[in-house]
N, C-alpha and C. Protein backbone atom coordinates (compact mmCIF):
# COMPACT_ATOMS: atom_id res chain seq x y z
N UNK A 1 299.20 178.37 -37.05
CA UNK A 1 298.89 179.65 -37.66
C UNK A 1 298.77 180.70 -36.56
N UNK A 2 299.47 181.82 -36.69
CA UNK A 2 299.40 182.85 -35.65
C UNK A 2 298.04 183.52 -35.61
N UNK A 3 297.68 183.96 -34.42
CA UNK A 3 296.42 184.68 -34.25
C UNK A 3 296.61 186.08 -34.79
N UNK A 4 295.68 186.51 -35.61
CA UNK A 4 295.76 187.84 -36.22
C UNK A 4 295.04 188.86 -35.36
N UNK A 5 295.71 189.93 -35.02
CA UNK A 5 295.08 191.02 -34.28
C UNK A 5 294.42 191.93 -35.30
N UNK A 6 293.20 192.34 -35.02
CA UNK A 6 292.52 193.23 -35.94
C UNK A 6 292.26 194.57 -35.28
N UNK A 7 292.24 195.59 -36.09
CA UNK A 7 291.94 196.93 -35.59
C UNK A 7 290.43 197.04 -35.38
N UNK A 8 290.00 197.95 -34.54
CA UNK A 8 288.56 198.14 -34.35
C UNK A 8 287.88 198.47 -35.68
N UNK A 9 286.65 198.03 -35.79
CA UNK A 9 285.86 198.32 -36.99
C UNK A 9 284.97 199.52 -36.68
N UNK A 10 285.21 200.62 -37.39
CA UNK A 10 284.36 201.79 -37.19
C UNK A 10 282.97 201.48 -37.70
N UNK A 11 281.97 202.13 -37.14
CA UNK A 11 280.59 201.88 -37.50
C UNK A 11 280.35 202.11 -38.99
N UNK A 12 280.95 203.16 -39.56
CA UNK A 12 280.76 203.41 -40.99
C UNK A 12 281.39 202.29 -41.82
N UNK A 13 282.55 201.82 -41.40
CA UNK A 13 283.18 200.69 -42.10
C UNK A 13 282.32 199.44 -41.98
N UNK A 14 281.77 199.23 -40.80
CA UNK A 14 280.92 198.07 -40.57
C UNK A 14 279.75 198.06 -41.56
N UNK A 15 279.06 199.20 -41.68
CA UNK A 15 277.90 199.25 -42.57
C UNK A 15 278.30 199.16 -44.04
N UNK A 16 279.45 199.71 -44.38
CA UNK A 16 279.94 199.56 -45.76
C UNK A 16 280.17 198.08 -46.07
N UNK A 17 280.78 197.37 -45.15
CA UNK A 17 281.02 195.94 -45.34
C UNK A 17 279.71 195.16 -45.42
N UNK A 18 278.77 195.50 -44.56
CA UNK A 18 277.46 194.84 -44.60
C UNK A 18 276.80 195.03 -45.96
N UNK A 19 276.87 196.24 -46.49
CA UNK A 19 276.25 196.53 -47.79
C UNK A 19 276.98 195.83 -48.93
N UNK A 20 278.29 195.70 -48.83
CA UNK A 20 279.03 194.96 -49.86
C UNK A 20 278.63 193.49 -49.85
N UNK A 21 278.52 192.91 -48.67
CA UNK A 21 278.24 191.49 -48.55
C UNK A 21 276.77 191.17 -48.85
N UNK A 22 275.86 191.99 -48.36
CA UNK A 22 274.43 191.67 -48.47
C UNK A 22 273.66 192.55 -49.44
N UNK A 23 274.28 193.61 -49.91
CA UNK A 23 273.57 194.55 -50.77
C UNK A 23 272.98 195.66 -49.93
N UNK A 24 272.88 196.87 -50.50
CA UNK A 24 272.41 198.02 -49.72
C UNK A 24 271.00 197.87 -49.15
N UNK A 25 270.10 197.31 -49.90
CA UNK A 25 268.72 197.19 -49.42
C UNK A 25 268.57 196.08 -48.38
N UNK A 26 269.24 194.97 -48.60
CA UNK A 26 269.06 193.81 -47.72
C UNK A 26 269.86 193.93 -46.43
N UNK A 27 270.96 194.65 -46.43
CA UNK A 27 271.82 194.74 -45.25
C UNK A 27 271.05 195.25 -44.03
N UNK A 28 270.31 196.32 -44.19
CA UNK A 28 269.58 196.88 -43.04
C UNK A 28 268.46 195.96 -42.58
N UNK A 29 267.79 195.32 -43.52
CA UNK A 29 266.73 194.37 -43.16
C UNK A 29 267.31 193.17 -42.41
N UNK A 30 268.41 192.63 -42.94
CA UNK A 30 269.06 191.48 -42.32
C UNK A 30 269.53 191.85 -40.91
N UNK A 31 270.11 193.04 -40.78
CA UNK A 31 270.62 193.49 -39.48
C UNK A 31 269.51 193.65 -38.46
N UNK A 32 268.34 193.94 -38.92
CA UNK A 32 267.19 194.13 -38.03
C UNK A 32 266.52 192.81 -37.66
N UNK A 33 266.53 191.85 -38.58
CA UNK A 33 265.74 190.64 -38.40
C UNK A 33 266.48 189.38 -37.95
N UNK A 34 267.74 189.24 -38.31
CA UNK A 34 268.46 187.99 -38.07
C UNK A 34 269.22 188.06 -36.74
N UNK A 35 268.97 187.06 -35.89
CA UNK A 35 269.69 186.97 -34.62
C UNK A 35 271.01 186.26 -34.87
N UNK A 36 272.09 186.89 -34.46
CA UNK A 36 273.42 186.30 -34.58
C UNK A 36 273.57 185.24 -33.49
N UNK A 37 273.74 184.01 -33.90
CA UNK A 37 273.74 182.91 -32.93
C UNK A 37 274.84 183.04 -31.88
N UNK A 38 275.99 183.57 -32.25
CA UNK A 38 277.08 183.68 -31.27
C UNK A 38 276.88 184.81 -30.26
N UNK A 39 276.03 185.77 -30.58
CA UNK A 39 275.79 186.89 -29.66
C UNK A 39 274.42 186.86 -29.00
N UNK A 40 273.46 186.22 -29.67
CA UNK A 40 272.10 186.22 -29.14
C UNK A 40 271.35 187.53 -29.38
N UNK A 41 271.87 188.35 -30.25
CA UNK A 41 271.28 189.63 -30.61
C UNK A 41 271.21 189.74 -32.13
N UNK A 42 270.31 190.60 -32.61
CA UNK A 42 270.41 191.03 -34.00
C UNK A 42 271.57 192.02 -34.08
N UNK A 43 272.01 192.33 -35.27
CA UNK A 43 273.06 193.33 -35.44
C UNK A 43 272.63 194.66 -34.82
N UNK A 44 271.41 195.08 -35.14
CA UNK A 44 270.92 196.36 -34.61
C UNK A 44 270.91 196.36 -33.09
N UNK A 45 270.42 195.28 -32.49
CA UNK A 45 270.35 195.21 -31.03
C UNK A 45 271.74 195.13 -30.39
N UNK A 46 272.65 194.41 -31.04
CA UNK A 46 274.01 194.30 -30.51
C UNK A 46 274.70 195.66 -30.50
N UNK A 47 274.54 196.40 -31.58
CA UNK A 47 275.15 197.74 -31.65
C UNK A 47 274.50 198.66 -30.61
N UNK A 48 273.19 198.58 -30.48
CA UNK A 48 272.49 199.40 -29.49
C UNK A 48 272.90 199.04 -28.07
N UNK A 49 273.24 197.77 -27.85
CA UNK A 49 273.65 197.32 -26.52
C UNK A 49 275.10 197.69 -26.21
N UNK A 50 275.79 198.25 -27.19
CA UNK A 50 277.16 198.69 -26.96
C UNK A 50 278.22 197.64 -27.23
N UNK A 51 277.85 196.55 -27.88
CA UNK A 51 278.84 195.53 -28.22
C UNK A 51 279.74 196.10 -29.31
N UNK A 52 281.02 195.92 -29.15
CA UNK A 52 282.02 196.45 -30.08
C UNK A 52 281.70 195.98 -31.50
N UNK A 53 281.76 196.90 -32.46
CA UNK A 53 281.45 196.54 -33.84
C UNK A 53 282.39 195.47 -34.38
N UNK A 54 283.59 195.41 -33.87
CA UNK A 54 284.53 194.35 -34.26
C UNK A 54 283.95 192.99 -33.90
N UNK A 55 283.36 192.88 -32.71
CA UNK A 55 282.76 191.62 -32.28
C UNK A 55 281.48 191.31 -33.06
N UNK A 56 280.74 192.34 -33.37
CA UNK A 56 279.52 192.14 -34.17
C UNK A 56 279.91 191.67 -35.57
N UNK A 57 280.93 192.30 -36.15
CA UNK A 57 281.38 191.90 -37.48
C UNK A 57 281.87 190.45 -37.48
N UNK A 58 282.61 190.07 -36.46
CA UNK A 58 283.07 188.68 -36.36
C UNK A 58 281.88 187.72 -36.29
N UNK A 59 280.85 188.11 -35.58
CA UNK A 59 279.65 187.27 -35.49
C UNK A 59 278.95 187.17 -36.84
N UNK A 60 278.91 188.28 -37.58
CA UNK A 60 278.32 188.25 -38.93
C UNK A 60 279.14 187.31 -39.81
N UNK A 61 280.45 187.43 -39.75
CA UNK A 61 281.33 186.58 -40.56
C UNK A 61 281.15 185.10 -40.22
N UNK A 62 280.92 184.80 -38.96
CA UNK A 62 280.72 183.41 -38.54
C UNK A 62 279.37 182.88 -39.02
N UNK A 63 278.42 183.76 -39.18
CA UNK A 63 277.06 183.33 -39.53
C UNK A 63 276.85 183.20 -41.05
N UNK A 64 277.51 184.05 -41.83
CA UNK A 64 277.34 184.00 -43.28
C UNK A 64 278.70 183.92 -43.96
N UNK A 65 278.69 183.62 -45.22
CA UNK A 65 279.93 183.47 -45.98
C UNK A 65 280.44 184.84 -46.42
N UNK A 66 281.31 185.41 -45.61
CA UNK A 66 281.91 186.71 -45.92
C UNK A 66 283.26 186.48 -46.58
N UNK A 67 283.51 187.12 -47.71
CA UNK A 67 284.81 186.95 -48.37
C UNK A 67 285.96 187.29 -47.43
N UNK A 68 287.03 186.54 -47.55
CA UNK A 68 288.19 186.72 -46.67
C UNK A 68 288.74 188.14 -46.73
N UNK A 69 288.63 188.80 -47.87
CA UNK A 69 289.16 190.15 -48.00
C UNK A 69 288.39 191.16 -47.15
N UNK A 70 287.20 190.82 -46.71
CA UNK A 70 286.39 191.73 -45.90
C UNK A 70 286.38 191.34 -44.42
N UNK A 71 287.00 190.25 -44.08
CA UNK A 71 286.98 189.81 -42.68
C UNK A 71 287.90 190.62 -41.81
């Protein structure tokens, strides 16, 4: 299977996807509290540290069951 190149995920797109997957109220709480095992940061901390949102989104996808259409 060929490796798929993905375009960068804009921050607004990232949060829209988070809200679709986790719900508007839970997305921000989850982003603040849950440490992404592949990054060692919460979503909020990873974004604040300057980690590309594409990489943060990939880490979220690896940690929870994100529908393929949103990956």
